[in-house]
PDB file of N, CA and C in Angstrom:
ATOM      1  N   UNK A   1      49.371 -30.094 -36.250  1.00  0.00           N
ATOM      2  CA  UNK A   1      49.286 -31.147 -37.226  1.00  0.00           C
ATOM      3  C   UNK A   1      49.114 -32.478 -36.504  1.00  0.00           C
ATOM      4  N   UNK A   2      48.238 -33.332 -37.032  1.00  0.00           N
ATOM      5  CA  UNK A   2      47.938 -34.611 -36.403  1.00  0.00           C
ATOM      6  C   UNK A   2      49.057 -35.610 -36.668  1.00  0.00           C
ATOM      7  N   UNK A   3      49.305 -36.442 -35.660  1.00  0.00           N
ATOM      8  CA  UNK A   3      50.322 -37.482 -35.821  1.00  0.00           C
ATOM      9  C   UNK A   3      49.753 -38.607 -36.696  1.00  0.00           C
ATOM     10  N   UNK A   4      50.634 -39.507 -37.117  1.00  0.00           N
ATOM     11  CA  UNK A   4      50.184 -40.636 -37.937  1.00  0.00           C
ATOM     12  C   UNK A   4      49.200 -41.504 -37.156  1.00  0.00           C
ATOM     13  N   UNK A   5      49.433 -41.643 -35.860  1.00  0.00           N
ATOM     14  CA  UNK A   5      48.545 -42.445 -35.016  1.00  0.00           C
ATOM     15  C   UNK A   5      47.156 -41.798 -34.946  1.00  0.00           C
ATOM     16  N   UNK A   6      47.105 -40.465 -34.781  1.00  0.00           N
ATOM     17  CA  UNK A   6      45.824 -39.747 -34.731  1.00  0.00           C
ATOM     18  C   UNK A   6      45.093 -39.837 -36.074  1.00  0.00           C
ATOM     19  N   UNK A   7      45.827 -39.708 -37.155  1.00  0.00           N
ATOM     20  CA  UNK A   7      45.231 -39.795 -38.490  1.00  0.00           C
ATOM     21  C   UNK A   7      44.636 -41.177 -38.717  1.00  0.00           C
ATOM     22  N   UNK A   8      45.357 -42.204 -38.295  1.00  0.00           N
ATOM     23  CA  UNK A   8      44.853 -43.578 -38.443  1.00  0.00           C
ATOM     24  C   UNK A   8      43.594 -43.777 -37.602  1.00  0.00           C
ATOM     25  N   UNK A   9      43.597 -43.240 -36.390  1.00  0.00           N
ATOM     26  CA  UNK A   9      42.423 -43.352 -35.516  1.00  0.00           C
ATOM     27  C   UNK A   9      41.235 -42.610 -36.123  1.00  0.00           C
ATOM     28  N   UNK A  10      41.479 -41.424 -36.692  1.00  0.00           N
ATOM     29  CA  UNK A  10      40.397 -40.661 -37.335  1.00  0.00           C
ATOM     30  C   UNK A  10      39.806 -41.429 -38.511  1.00  0.00           C
ATOM     31  N   UNK A  11      40.650 -42.045 -39.298  1.00  0.00           N
ATOM     32  CA  UNK A  11      40.168 -42.814 -40.450  1.00  0.00           C
ATOM     33  C   UNK A  11      39.349 -44.018 -39.989  1.00  0.00           C
ATOM     34  N   UNK A  12      39.812 -44.683 -38.932  1.00  0.00           N
ATOM     35  CA  UNK A  12      39.082 -45.841 -38.404  1.00  0.00           C
ATOM     36  C   UNK A  12      37.713 -45.407 -37.869  1.00  0.00           C
ATOM     37  N   UNK A  13      37.653 -44.280 -37.169  1.00  0.00           N
ATOM     38  CA  UNK A  13      36.380 -43.770 -36.653  1.00  0.00           C
ATOM     39  C   UNK A  13      35.456 -43.341 -37.779  1.00  0.00           C
ATOM     40  N   UNK A  14      36.019 -42.762 -38.819  1.00  0.00           N
ATOM     41  CA  UNK A  14      35.204 -42.308 -39.950  1.00  0.00           C
ATOM     42  C   UNK A  14      34.524 -43.483 -40.643  1.00  0.00           C
ATOM     43  N   UNK A  15      35.184 -44.615 -40.680  1.00  0.00           N
ATOM     44  CA  UNK A  15      34.587 -45.793 -41.300  1.00  0.00           C
ATOM     45  C   UNK A  15      33.397 -46.309 -40.497  1.00  0.00           C
ATOM     46  N   UNK A  16      33.413 -46.080 -39.200  1.00  0.00           N
ATOM     47  CA  UNK A  16      32.319 -46.529 -38.340  1.00  0.00           C
ATOM     48  C   UNK A  16      31.095 -45.618 -38.442  1.00  0.00           C
ATOM     49  N   UNK A  17      31.279 -44.360 -38.739  1.00  0.00           N
ATOM     50  CA  UNK A  17      30.180 -43.403 -38.708  1.00  0.00           C
ATOM     51  C   UNK A  17      29.758 -42.991 -40.114  1.00  0.00           C
ATOM     52  N   UNK A  18      29.226 -43.956 -40.836  1.00  0.00           N
ATOM     53  CA  UNK A  18      28.817 -43.675 -42.213  1.00  0.00           C
ATOM     54  C   UNK A  18      27.309 -43.508 -42.342  1.00  0.00           C
ATOM     55  N   UNK A  19      26.596 -43.461 -41.235  1.00  0.00           N
ATOM     56  CA  UNK A  19      25.154 -43.283 -41.282  1.00  0.00           C
ATOM     57  C   UNK A  19      24.423 -44.599 -41.402  1.00  0.00           C
ATOM     58  N   UNK A  20      23.107 -44.511 -41.522  1.00  0.00           N
ATOM     59  CA  UNK A  20      22.306 -45.735 -41.582  1.00  0.00           C
ATOM     60  C   UNK A  20      22.558 -46.511 -42.877  1.00  0.00           C
ATOM     61  N   UNK A  21      22.476 -47.821 -42.771  1.00  0.00           N
ATOM     62  CA  UNK A  21      22.753 -48.669 -43.924  1.00  0.00           C
ATOM     63  C   UNK A  21      21.492 -49.344 -44.467  1.00  0.00           C
ATOM     64  N   UNK A  22      20.527 -49.615 -43.603  1.00  0.00           N
ATOM     65  CA  UNK A  22      19.317 -50.311 -44.042  1.00  0.00           C
ATOM     66  C   UNK A  22      18.292 -49.303 -44.554  1.00  0.00           C
ATOM     67  N   UNK A  23      17.379 -49.743 -45.412  1.00  0.00           N
ATOM     68  CA  UNK A  23      16.326 -48.836 -45.895  1.00  0.00           C
ATOM     69  C   UNK A  23      15.488 -48.255 -44.749  1.00  0.00           C
ATOM     70  N   UNK A  24      15.214 -49.082 -43.741  1.00  0.00           N
ATOM     71  CA  UNK A  24      14.436 -48.603 -42.595  1.00  0.00           C
ATOM     72  C   UNK A  24      15.206 -47.523 -41.847  1.00  0.00           C
ATOM     73  N   UNK A  25      16.490 -47.751 -41.635  1.00  0.00           N
ATOM     74  CA  UNK A  25      17.320 -46.757 -40.952  1.00  0.00           C
ATOM     75  C   UNK A  25      17.428 -45.466 -41.733  1.00  0.00           C
ATOM     76  N   UNK A  26      17.568 -45.579 -43.048  1.00  0.00           N
ATOM     77  CA  UNK A  26      17.643 -44.384 -43.890  1.00  0.00           C
ATOM     78  C   UNK A  26      16.335 -43.606 -43.855  1.00  0.00           C
ATOM     79  N   UNK A  27      15.205 -44.331 -43.872  1.00  0.00           N
ATOM     80  CA  UNK A  27      13.909 -43.658 -43.824  1.00  0.00           C
ATOM     81  C   UNK A  27      13.741 -42.939 -42.483  1.00  0.00           C
ATOM     82  N   UNK A  28      14.123 -43.617 -41.416  1.00  0.00           N
ATOM     83  CA  UNK A  28      13.987 -43.016 -40.087  1.00  0.00           C
ATOM     84  C   UNK A  28      14.863 -41.772 -39.955  1.00  0.00           C
ATOM     85  N   UNK A  29      16.090 -41.842 -40.413  1.00  0.00           N
ATOM     86  CA  UNK A  29      16.981 -40.692 -40.279  1.00  0.00           C
ATOM     87  C   UNK A  29      16.546 -39.533 -41.169  1.00  0.00           C
ATOM     88  N   UNK A  30      15.853 -39.831 -42.264  1.00  0.00           N
ATOM     89  CA  UNK A  30      15.386 -38.757 -43.136  1.00  0.00           C
ATOM     90  C   UNK A  30      14.293 -37.930 -42.478  1.00  0.00           C
ATOM     91  N   UNK A  31      13.690 -38.467 -41.424  1.00  0.00           N
ATOM     92  CA  UNK A  31      12.611 -37.776 -40.722  1.00  0.00           C
ATOM     93  C   UNK A  31      13.095 -37.068 -39.451  1.00  0.00           C
ATOM     94  N   UNK A  32      14.396 -37.049 -39.201  1.00  0.00           N
ATOM     95  CA  UNK A  32      14.921 -36.464 -37.968  1.00  0.00           C
ATOM     96  C   UNK A  32      14.469 -35.020 -37.759  1.00  0.00           C
ATOM     97  N   UNK A  33      14.436 -34.236 -38.800  1.00  0.00           N
ATOM     98  CA  UNK A  33      14.066 -32.831 -38.665  1.00  0.00           C
ATOM     99  C   UNK A  33      12.578 -32.654 -38.397  1.00  0.00           C
ATOM    100  N   UNK A  34      11.785 -33.672 -38.636  1.00  0.00           N
ATOM    101  CA  UNK A  34      10.337 -33.566 -38.460  1.00  0.00           C
ATOM    102  C   UNK A  34       9.838 -34.253 -37.197  1.00  0.00           C
ATOM    103  N   UNK A  35      10.724 -34.600 -36.310  1.00  0.00           N
ATOM    104  CA  UNK A  35      10.340 -35.372 -35.141  1.00  0.00           C
ATOM    105  C   UNK A  35       9.266 -34.685 -34.311  1.00  0.00           C
ATOM    106  N   UNK A  36       9.394 -33.396 -34.078  1.00  0.00           N
ATOM    107  CA  UNK A  36       8.407 -32.709 -33.246  1.00  0.00           C
ATOM    108  C   UNK A  36       7.638 -31.645 -33.995  1.00  0.00           C
ATOM    109  N   UNK A  37       8.137 -31.149 -35.101  1.00  0.00           N
ATOM    110  CA  UNK A  37       7.413 -30.179 -35.905  1.00  0.00           C
ATOM    111  C   UNK A  37       7.389 -28.771 -35.358  1.00  0.00           C
ATOM    112  N   UNK A  38       8.157 -28.499 -34.316  1.00  0.00           N
ATOM    113  CA  UNK A  38       8.113 -27.173 -33.703  1.00  0.00           C
ATOM    114  C   UNK A  38       8.745 -26.097 -34.567  1.00  0.00           C
ATOM    115  N   UNK A  39       9.589 -26.489 -35.503  1.00  0.00           N
ATOM    116  CA  UNK A  39      10.215 -25.486 -36.357  1.00  0.00           C
ATOM    117  C   UNK A  39       9.366 -25.143 -37.576  1.00  0.00           C
ATOM    118  N   UNK A  40       8.283 -25.851 -37.765  1.00  0.00           N
ATOM    119  CA  UNK A  40       7.389 -25.552 -38.873  1.00  0.00           C
ATOM    120  C   UNK A  40       6.606 -24.270 -38.584  1.00  0.00           C
ATOM    121  N   UNK A  41       6.294 -23.496 -39.597  1.00  0.00           N
ATOM    122  CA  UNK A  41       5.485 -22.298 -39.359  1.00  0.00           C
ATOM    123  C   UNK A  41       4.062 -22.688 -38.968  1.00  0.00           C
ATOM    124  N   UNK A  42       3.423 -21.811 -38.251  1.00  0.00           N
ATOM    125  CA  UNK A  42       2.046 -22.029 -37.848  1.00  0.00           C
ATOM    126  C   UNK A  42       1.183 -22.157 -39.097  1.00  0.00           C
ATOM    127  N   UNK A  43       0.389 -23.214 -39.199  1.00  0.00           N
ATOM    128  CA  UNK A  43      -0.424 -23.369 -40.401  1.00  0.00           C
ATOM    129  C   UNK A  43      -1.435 -22.224 -40.526  1.00  0.00           C
ATOM    130  N   UNK A  44      -1.577 -21.708 -41.731  1.00  0.00           N
ATOM    131  CA  UNK A  44      -2.492 -20.585 -41.946  1.00  0.00           C
ATOM    132  C   UNK A  44      -3.887 -21.136 -42.234  1.00  0.00           C
ATOM    133  N   UNK A  45      -4.756 -20.987 -41.263  1.00  0.00           N
ATOM    134  CA  UNK A  45      -6.149 -21.384 -41.410  1.00  0.00           C
ATOM    135  C   UNK A  45      -7.003 -20.191 -41.033  1.00  0.00           C
ATOM    136  N   UNK A  46      -8.293 -20.296 -41.273  1.00  0.00           N
ATOM    137  CA  UNK A  46      -9.177 -19.191 -40.886  1.00  0.00           C
ATOM    138  C   UNK A  46      -9.162 -19.004 -39.374  1.00  0.00           C
ATOM    139  N   UNK A  47      -8.992 -20.107 -38.633  1.00  0.00           N
ATOM    140  CA  UNK A  47      -8.950 -20.011 -37.169  1.00  0.00           C
ATOM    141  C   UNK A  47      -7.692 -19.281 -36.699  1.00  0.00           C
ATOM    142  N   UNK A  48      -6.522 -19.646 -37.248  1.00  0.00           N
ATOM    143  CA  UNK A  48      -5.290 -18.975 -36.823  1.00  0.00           C
ATOM    144  C   UNK A  48      -5.275 -17.525 -37.298  1.00  0.00           C
ATOM    145  N   UNK A  49      -5.842 -17.254 -38.468  1.00  0.00           N
ATOM    146  CA  UNK A  49      -5.914 -15.873 -38.954  1.00  0.00           C
ATOM    147  C   UNK A  49      -6.790 -15.033 -38.033  1.00  0.00           C
ATOM    148  N   UNK A  50      -7.903 -15.608 -37.589  1.00  0.00           N
ATOM    149  CA  UNK A  50      -8.800 -14.885 -36.678  1.00  0.00           C
ATOM    150  C   UNK A  50      -8.116 -14.623 -35.337  1.00  0.00           C
ATOM    151  N   UNK A  51      -7.413 -15.635 -34.806  1.00  0.00           N
ATOM    152  CA  UNK A  51      -6.691 -15.453 -33.537  1.00  0.00           C
ATOM    153  C   UNK A  51      -5.634 -14.367 -33.671  1.00  0.00           C
ATOM    154  N   UNK A  52      -4.885 -14.401 -34.779  1.00  0.00           N
ATOM    155  CA  UNK A  52      -3.843 -13.401 -35.005  1.00  0.00           C
ATOM    156  C   UNK A  52      -4.446 -12.007 -35.123  1.00  0.00           C
ATOM    157  N   UNK A  53      -5.588 -11.891 -35.802  1.00  0.00           N
ATOM    158  CA  UNK A  53      -6.233 -10.580 -35.962  1.00  0.00           C
ATOM    159  C   UNK A  53      -6.718 -10.033 -34.630  1.00  0.00           C
ATOM    160  N   UNK A  54      -7.328 -10.891 -33.808  1.00  0.00           N
ATOM    161  CA  UNK A  54      -7.807 -10.462 -32.480  1.00  0.00           C
ATOM    162  C   UNK A  54      -6.628 -10.034 -31.617  1.00  0.00           C
ATOM    163  N   UNK A  55      -5.564 -10.826 -31.626  1.00  0.00           N
ATOM    164  CA  UNK A  55      -4.387 -10.491 -30.837  1.00  0.00           C
ATOM    165  C   UNK A  55      -3.732  -9.211 -31.336  1.00  0.00           C
ATOM    166  N   UNK A  56      -3.631  -9.052 -32.641  1.00  0.00           N
ATOM    167  CA  UNK A  56      -3.036  -7.841 -33.214  1.00  0.00           C
ATOM    168  C   UNK A  56      -3.859  -6.611 -32.839  1.00  0.00           C
ATOM    169  N   UNK A  57      -5.175  -6.729 -32.865  1.00  0.00           N
ATOM    170  CA  UNK A  57      -6.044  -5.610 -32.478  1.00  0.00           C
ATOM    171  C   UNK A  57      -5.819  -5.236 -31.014  1.00  0.00           C
ATOM    172  N   UNK A  58      -5.754  -6.243 -30.148  1.00  0.00           N
ATOM    173  CA  UNK A  58      -5.529  -5.990 -28.722  1.00  0.00           C
ATOM    174  C   UNK A  58      -4.170  -5.342 -28.497  1.00  0.00           C
ATOM    175  N   UNK A  59      -3.154  -5.802 -29.211  1.00  0.00           N
ATOM    176  CA  UNK A  59      -1.811  -5.224 -29.062  1.00  0.00           C
ATOM    177  C   UNK A  59      -1.785  -3.780 -29.550  1.00  0.00           C
ATOM    178  N   UNK A  60      -2.459  -3.512 -30.660  1.00  0.00           N
ATOM    179  CA  UNK A  60      -2.495  -2.145 -31.193  1.00  0.00           C
ATOM    180  C   UNK A  60      -3.206  -1.212 -30.216  1.00  0.00           C
ATOM    181  N   UNK A  61      -4.293  -1.687 -29.628  1.00  0.00           N
ATOM    182  CA  UNK A  61      -5.019  -0.869 -28.640  1.00  0.00           C
ATOM    183  C   UNK A  61      -4.158  -0.630 -27.411  1.00  0.00           C
ATOM    184  N   UNK A  62      -3.453  -1.661 -26.979  1.00  0.00           N
ATOM    185  CA  UNK A  62      -2.589  -1.536 -25.796  1.00  0.00           C
ATOM    186  C   UNK A  62      -1.453  -0.542 -26.040  1.00  0.00           C
ATOM    187  N   UNK A  63      -0.976  -0.485 -27.290  1.00  0.00           N
ATOM    188  CA  UNK A  63       0.110   0.429 -27.641  1.00  0.00           C
ATOM    189  C   UNK A  63      -0.410   1.850 -27.870  1.00  0.00           C
ATOM    190  N   UNK A  64      -1.695   2.046 -27.722  1.00  0.00           N
ATOM    191  CA  UNK A  64      -2.262   3.374 -27.892  1.00  0.00           C
ATOM    192  C   UNK A  64      -2.385   3.795 -29.338  1.00  0.00           C
ATOM    193  N   UNK A  65      -2.447   2.843 -30.238  1.00  0.00           N
ATOM    194  CA  UNK A  65      -2.607   3.154 -31.651  1.00  0.00           C
ATOM    195  C   UNK A  65      -1.344   3.658 -32.311  1.00  0.00           C
ATOM    196  N   UNK A  66      -0.237   3.713 -31.575  1.00  0.00           N
ATOM    197  CA  UNK A  66       1.018   4.231 -32.129  1.00  0.00           C
ATOM    198  C   UNK A  66       1.812   3.158 -32.869  1.00  0.00           C
ATOM    199  N   UNK A  67       1.460   1.901 -32.659  1.00  0.00           N
ATOM    200  CA  UNK A  67       2.226   0.820 -33.270  1.00  0.00           C
ATOM    201  C   UNK A  67       1.902   0.702 -34.753  1.00  0.00           C
ATOM    202  N   UNK A  68       2.900   0.371 -35.528  1.00  0.00           N
ATOM    203  CA  UNK A  68       2.696   0.141 -36.959  1.00  0.00           C
ATOM    204  C   UNK A  68       2.013  -1.206 -37.142  1.00  0.00           C
ATOM    205  N   UNK A  69       1.046  -1.232 -38.028  1.00  0.00           N
ATOM    206  CA  UNK A  69       0.231  -2.441 -38.187  1.00  0.00           C
ATOM    207  C   UNK A  69       1.061  -3.655 -38.598  1.00  0.00           C
ATOM    208  N   UNK A  70       2.086  -3.468 -39.435  1.00  0.00           N
ATOM    209  CA  UNK A  70       2.933  -4.587 -39.853  1.00  0.00           C
ATOM    210  C   UNK A  70       3.677  -5.207 -38.691  1.00  0.00           C
ATOM    211  N   UNK A  71       4.200  -4.354 -37.816  1.00  0.00           N
ATOM    212  CA  UNK A  71       4.917  -4.868 -36.655  1.00  0.00           C
ATOM    213  C   UNK A  71       3.967  -5.582 -35.700  1.00  0.00           C
ATOM    214  N   UNK A  72       2.792  -5.028 -35.529  1.00  0.00           N
ATOM    215  CA  UNK A  72       1.814  -5.627 -34.624  1.00  0.00           C
ATOM    216  C   UNK A  72       1.396  -6.993 -35.152  1.00  0.00           C
ATOM    217  N   UNK A  73       1.174  -7.105 -36.451  1.00  0.00           N
ATOM    218  CA  UNK A  73       0.781  -8.387 -37.042  1.00  0.00           C
ATOM    219  C   UNK A  73       1.895  -9.424 -36.892  1.00  0.00           C
ATOM    220  N   UNK A  74       3.139  -9.012 -37.109  1.00  0.00           N
ATOM    221  CA  UNK A  74       4.269  -9.936 -36.940  1.00  0.00           C
ATOM    222  C   UNK A  74       4.402 -10.369 -35.490  1.00  0.00           C
ATOM    223  N   UNK A  75       4.214  -9.430 -34.578  1.00  0.00           N
ATOM    224  CA  UNK A  75       4.307  -9.756 -33.154  1.00  0.00           C
ATOM    225  C   UNK A  75       3.196 -10.723 -32.757  1.00  0.00           C
ATOM    226  N   UNK A  76       1.995 -10.495 -33.265  1.00  0.00           N
ATOM    227  CA  UNK A  76       0.876 -11.389 -32.967  1.00  0.00           C
ATOM    228  C   UNK A  76       1.170 -12.792 -33.478  1.00  0.00           C
ATOM    229  N   UNK A  77       1.699 -12.900 -34.685  1.00  0.00           N
ATOM    230  CA  UNK A  77       2.043 -14.210 -35.253  1.00  0.00           C
ATOM    231  C   UNK A  77       3.124 -14.892 -34.414  1.00  0.00           C
ATOM    232  N   UNK A  78       4.122 -14.121 -33.988  1.00  0.00           N
ATOM    233  CA  UNK A  78       5.192 -14.682 -33.154  1.00  0.00           C
ATOM    234  C   UNK A  78       4.631 -15.172 -31.821  1.00  0.00           C
ATOM    235  N   UNK A  79       3.707 -14.415 -31.251  1.00  0.00           N
ATOM    236  CA  UNK A  79       3.088 -14.815 -29.988  1.00  0.00           C
ATOM    237  C   UNK A  79       2.320 -16.123 -30.146  1.00  0.00           C
ATOM    238  N   UNK A  80       1.611 -16.276 -31.247  1.00  0.00           N
ATOM    239  CA  UNK A  80       0.885 -17.524 -31.500  1.00  0.00           C
ATOM    240  C   UNK A  80       1.855 -18.690 -31.680  1.00  0.00           C
ATOM    241  N   UNK A  81       2.996 -18.450 -32.331  1.00  0.00           N
ATOM    242  CA  UNK A  81       4.016 -19.494 -32.463  1.00  0.00           C
ATOM    243  C   UNK A  81       4.555 -19.905 -31.096  1.00  0.00           C
ATOM    244  N   UNK A  82       4.809 -18.933 -30.244  1.00  0.00           N
ATOM    245  CA  UNK A  82       5.310 -19.222 -28.902  1.00  0.00           C
ATOM    246  C   UNK A  82       4.293 -20.044 -28.120  1.00  0.00           C
ATOM    247  N   UNK A  83       3.036 -19.677 -28.205  1.00  0.00           N
ATOM    248  CA  UNK A  83       1.994 -20.429 -27.502  1.00  0.00           C
ATOM    249  C   UNK A  83       1.915 -21.863 -28.010  1.00  0.00           C
ATOM    250  N   UNK A  84       2.085 -22.057 -29.330  1.00  0.00           N
ATOM    251  CA  UNK A  84       2.056 -23.405 -29.900  1.00  0.00           C
ATOM    252  C   UNK A  84       3.226 -24.229 -29.381  1.00  0.00           C
ATOM    253  N   UNK A  85       4.404 -23.626 -29.318  1.00  0.00           N
ATOM    254  CA  UNK A  85       5.584 -24.339 -28.827  1.00  0.00           C
ATOM    255  C   UNK A  85       5.404 -24.698 -27.353  1.00  0.00           C
ATOM    256  N   UNK A  86       4.900 -23.763 -26.562  1.00  0.00           N
ATOM    257  CA  UNK A  86       4.680 -24.040 -25.140  1.00  0.00           C
ATOM    258  C   UNK A  86       3.663 -25.158 -24.949  1.00  0.00           C
ATOM    259  N   UNK A  87       2.608 -25.134 -25.730  1.00  0.00           N
ATOM    260  CA  UNK A  87       1.581 -26.165 -25.637  1.00  0.00           C
ATOM    261  C   UNK A  87       2.147 -27.527 -26.021  1.00  0.00           C
ATOM    262  N   UNK A  88       2.939 -27.567 -27.088  1.00  0.00           N
ATOM    263  CA  UNK A  88       3.557 -28.831 -27.514  1.00  0.00           C
ATOM    264  C   UNK A  88       4.526 -29.343 -26.458  1.00  0.00           C
ATOM    265  N   UNK A  89       5.305 -28.438 -25.887  1.00  0.00           N
ATOM    266  CA  UNK A  89       6.249 -28.838 -24.840  1.00  0.00           C
ATOM    267  C   UNK A  89       5.508 -29.419 -23.643  1.00  0.00           C
ATOM    268  N   UNK A  90       4.445 -28.749 -23.228  1.00  0.00           N
ATOM    269  CA  UNK A  90       3.672 -29.236 -22.084  1.00  0.00           C
ATOM    270  C   UNK A  90       3.072 -30.612 -22.366  1.00  0.00           C
ATOM    271  N   UNK A  91       2.602 -30.801 -23.602  1.00  0.00           N
ATOM    272  CA  UNK A  91       2.030 -32.092 -23.985  1.00  0.00           C
ATOM    273  C   UNK A  91       3.097 -33.182 -23.984  1.00  0.00           C
ATOM    274  N   UNK A  92       4.296 -32.860 -24.484  1.00  0.00           N
ATOM    275  CA  UNK A  92       5.387 -33.838 -24.492  1.00  0.00           C
ATOM    276  C   UNK A  92       5.774 -34.236 -23.069  1.00  0.00           C
ATOM    277  N   UNK A  93       5.870 -33.271 -22.197  1.00  0.00           N
ATOM    278  CA  UNK A  93       6.250 -33.547 -20.813  1.00  0.00           C
ATOM    279  C   UNK A  93       5.170 -34.369 -20.126  1.00  0.00           C
ATOM    280  N   UNK A  94       3.912 -34.024 -20.390  1.00  0.00           N
ATOM    281  CA  UNK A  94       2.808 -34.715 -19.736  1.00  0.00           C
ATOM    282  C   UNK A  94       2.705 -36.172 -20.157  1.00  0.00           C
ATOM    283  N   UNK A  95       3.147 -36.502 -21.347  1.00  0.00           N
ATOM    284  CA  UNK A  95       3.012 -37.880 -21.826  1.00  0.00           C
ATOM    285  C   UNK A  95       4.335 -38.638 -21.821  1.00  0.00           C
ATOM    286  N   UNK A  96       5.367 -38.060 -21.237  1.00  0.00           N
ATOM    287  CA  UNK A  96       6.679 -38.705 -21.218  1.00  0.00           C
ATOM    288  C   UNK A  96       6.630 -39.995 -20.407  1.00  0.00           C
ATOM    289  N   UNK A  97       7.274 -41.007 -20.894  1.00  0.00           N
ATOM    290  CA  UNK A  97       7.368 -42.268 -20.178  1.00  0.00           C
ATOM    291  C   UNK A  97       8.583 -42.176 -19.264  1.00  0.00           C
ATOM    292  N   UNK A  98       8.328 -41.924 -17.993  1.00  0.00           N
ATOM    293  CA  UNK A  98       9.408 -41.661 -17.044  1.00  0.00           C
ATOM    294  C   UNK A  98      10.184 -42.906 -16.661  1.00  0.00           C
ATOM    295  N   UNK A  99       9.646 -44.081 -16.940  1.00  0.00           N
ATOM    296  CA  UNK A  99      10.415 -45.298 -16.642  1.00  0.00           C
ATOM    297  C   UNK A  99      11.665 -45.344 -17.499  1.00  0.00           C
ATOM    298  N   UNK A 100      11.555 -44.911 -18.747  1.00  0.00           N
ATOM    299  CA  UNK A 100      12.697 -44.946 -19.651  1.00  0.00           C
ATOM    300  C   UNK A 100      13.565 -43.715 -19.505  1.00  0.00           C
ATOM    301  N   UNK A 101      12.973 -42.588 -19.108  1.00  0.00           N
ATOM    302  CA  UNK A 101      13.720 -41.339 -19.050  1.00  0.00           C
ATOM    303  C   UNK A 101      14.630 -41.270 -17.834  1.00  0.00           C
ATOM    304  N   UNK A 102      14.267 -41.921 -16.754  1.00  0.00           N
ATOM    305  CA  UNK A 102      15.101 -41.898 -15.561  1.00  0.00           C
ATOM    306  C   UNK A 102      14.630 -40.864 -14.548  1.00  0.00           C
ATOM    307  N   UNK A 103      15.179 -40.958 -13.356  1.00  0.00           N
ATOM    308  CA  UNK A 103      14.759 -40.104 -12.252  1.00  0.00           C
ATOM    309  C   UNK A 103      15.054 -38.626 -12.466  1.00  0.00           C
ATOM    310  N   UNK A 104      16.114 -38.292 -13.188  1.00  0.00           N
ATOM    311  CA  UNK A 104      16.459 -36.886 -13.402  1.00  0.00           C
ATOM    312  C   UNK A 104      15.356 -36.144 -14.139  1.00  0.00           C
ATOM    313  N   UNK A 105      14.751 -36.771 -15.144  1.00  0.00           N
ATOM    314  CA  UNK A 105      13.685 -36.134 -15.905  1.00  0.00           C
ATOM    315  C   UNK A 105      12.439 -35.935 -15.044  1.00  0.00           C
ATOM    316  N   UNK A 106      12.111 -36.939 -14.237  1.00  0.00           N
ATOM    317  CA  UNK A 106      10.945 -36.837 -13.369  1.00  0.00           C
ATOM    318  C   UNK A 106      11.126 -35.709 -12.369  1.00  0.00           C
ATOM    319  N   UNK A 107      12.309 -35.631 -11.795  1.00  0.00           N
ATOM    320  CA  UNK A 107      12.593 -34.571 -10.827  1.00  0.00           C
ATOM    321  C   UNK A 107      12.535 -33.196 -11.486  1.00  0.00           C
ATOM    322  N   UNK A 108      13.132 -33.049 -12.654  1.00  0.00           N
ATOM    323  CA  UNK A 108      13.119 -31.758 -13.357  1.00  0.00           C
ATOM    324  C   UNK A 108      11.707 -31.367 -13.753  1.00  0.00           C
ATOM    325  N   UNK A 109      10.937 -32.321 -14.271  1.00  0.00           N
ATOM    326  CA  UNK A 109       9.571 -32.019 -14.696  1.00  0.00           C
ATOM    327  C   UNK A 109       8.702 -31.652 -13.509  1.00  0.00           C
ATOM    328  N   UNK A 110       8.891 -32.318 -12.375  1.00  0.00           N
ATOM    329  CA  UNK A 110       8.065 -31.994 -11.213  1.00  0.00           C
ATOM    330  C   UNK A 110       8.430 -30.620 -10.651  1.00  0.00           C
ATOM    331  N   UNK A 111       9.698 -30.223 -10.800  1.00  0.00           N
ATOM    332  CA  UNK A 111      10.109 -28.903 -10.322  1.00  0.00           C
ATOM    333  C   UNK A 111       9.435 -27.786 -11.106  1.00  0.00           C
ATOM    334  N   UNK A 112       9.211 -27.994 -12.394  1.00  0.00           N
ATOM    335  CA  UNK A 112       8.584 -26.932 -13.171  1.00  0.00           C
ATOM    336  C   UNK A 112       7.066 -27.072 -13.199  1.00  0.00           C
ATOM    337  N   UNK A 113       6.544 -28.073 -12.500  1.00  0.00           N
ATOM    338  CA  UNK A 113       5.104 -28.215 -12.361  1.00  0.00           C
ATOM    339  C   UNK A 113       4.383 -28.635 -13.604  1.00  0.00           C
ATOM    340  N   UNK A 114       5.043 -29.369 -14.499  1.00  0.00           N
ATOM    341  CA  UNK A 114       4.428 -29.739 -15.756  1.00  0.00           C
ATOM    342  C   UNK A 114       4.136 -31.246 -15.852  1.00  0.00           C
ATOM    343  N   UNK A 115       4.261 -31.975 -14.756  1.00  0.00           N
ATOM    344  CA  UNK A 115       4.032 -33.408 -14.822  1.00  0.00           C
ATOM    345  C   UNK A 115       2.540 -33.657 -14.948  1.00  0.00           C
ATOM    346  N   UNK A 116       2.172 -34.356 -15.985  1.00  0.00           N
ATOM    347  CA  UNK A 116       0.767 -34.674 -16.224  1.00  0.00           C
ATOM    348  C   UNK A 116       0.543 -36.137 -15.978  1.00  0.00           C
ATOM    349  N   UNK A 117       0.183 -36.846 -17.000  1.00  0.00           N
ATOM    350  CA  UNK A 117      -0.106 -38.268 -16.903  1.00  0.00           C
ATOM    351  C   UNK A 117       1.197 -39.041 -16.943  1.00  0.00           C
ATOM    352  N   UNK A 118       1.496 -39.728 -15.858  1.00  0.00           N
ATOM    353  CA  UNK A 118       2.699 -40.555 -15.818  1.00  0.00           C
ATOM    354  C   UNK A 118       2.323 -41.978 -16.216  1.00  0.00           C
ATOM    355  N   UNK A 119       3.027 -42.501 -17.202  1.00  0.00           N
ATOM    356  CA  UNK A 119       2.768 -43.872 -17.631  1.00  0.00           C
ATOM    357  C   UNK A 119       3.720 -44.791 -16.871  1.00  0.00           C
ATOM    358  N   UNK A 120       3.216 -45.392 -15.814  1.00  0.00           N
ATOM    359  CA  UNK A 120       4.070 -46.236 -14.985  1.00  0.00           C
ATOM    360  C   UNK A 120       3.716 -47.709 -15.110  1.00  0.00           C
ATOM    361  N   UNK A 121       2.712 -48.048 -15.906  1.00  0.00           N
ATOM    362  CA  UNK A 121       2.329 -49.451 -16.009  1.00  0.00           C
ATOM    363  C   UNK A 121       3.157 -50.179 -17.037  1.00  0.00           C
TER     364      UNK A 121
END
């Protein structure tokens, strides 16, 4: 059980953390989940459908025709999602402003070989 001092401190902290107060702050915080879009499903277009079909066909052939078509299609879609996430990650790393991120980020990015265009100006 919390002491009276702890309860008072919790109440004081709770008053400080009430979220954004300005319309601009509220709008910005409402977009937090959409910052990078990586959790969104792959958009279904004729191009992505064609890629998924080609990949599913290759996977089915590799499995010797024993794979169930539903599983192969799901696996192909998952593979395309993974490729999209990897591509987005590589793009984010390549365009990161390392002046603001600090030396730790530059060192980590160079270790994994993903440093692209460094904005140092």
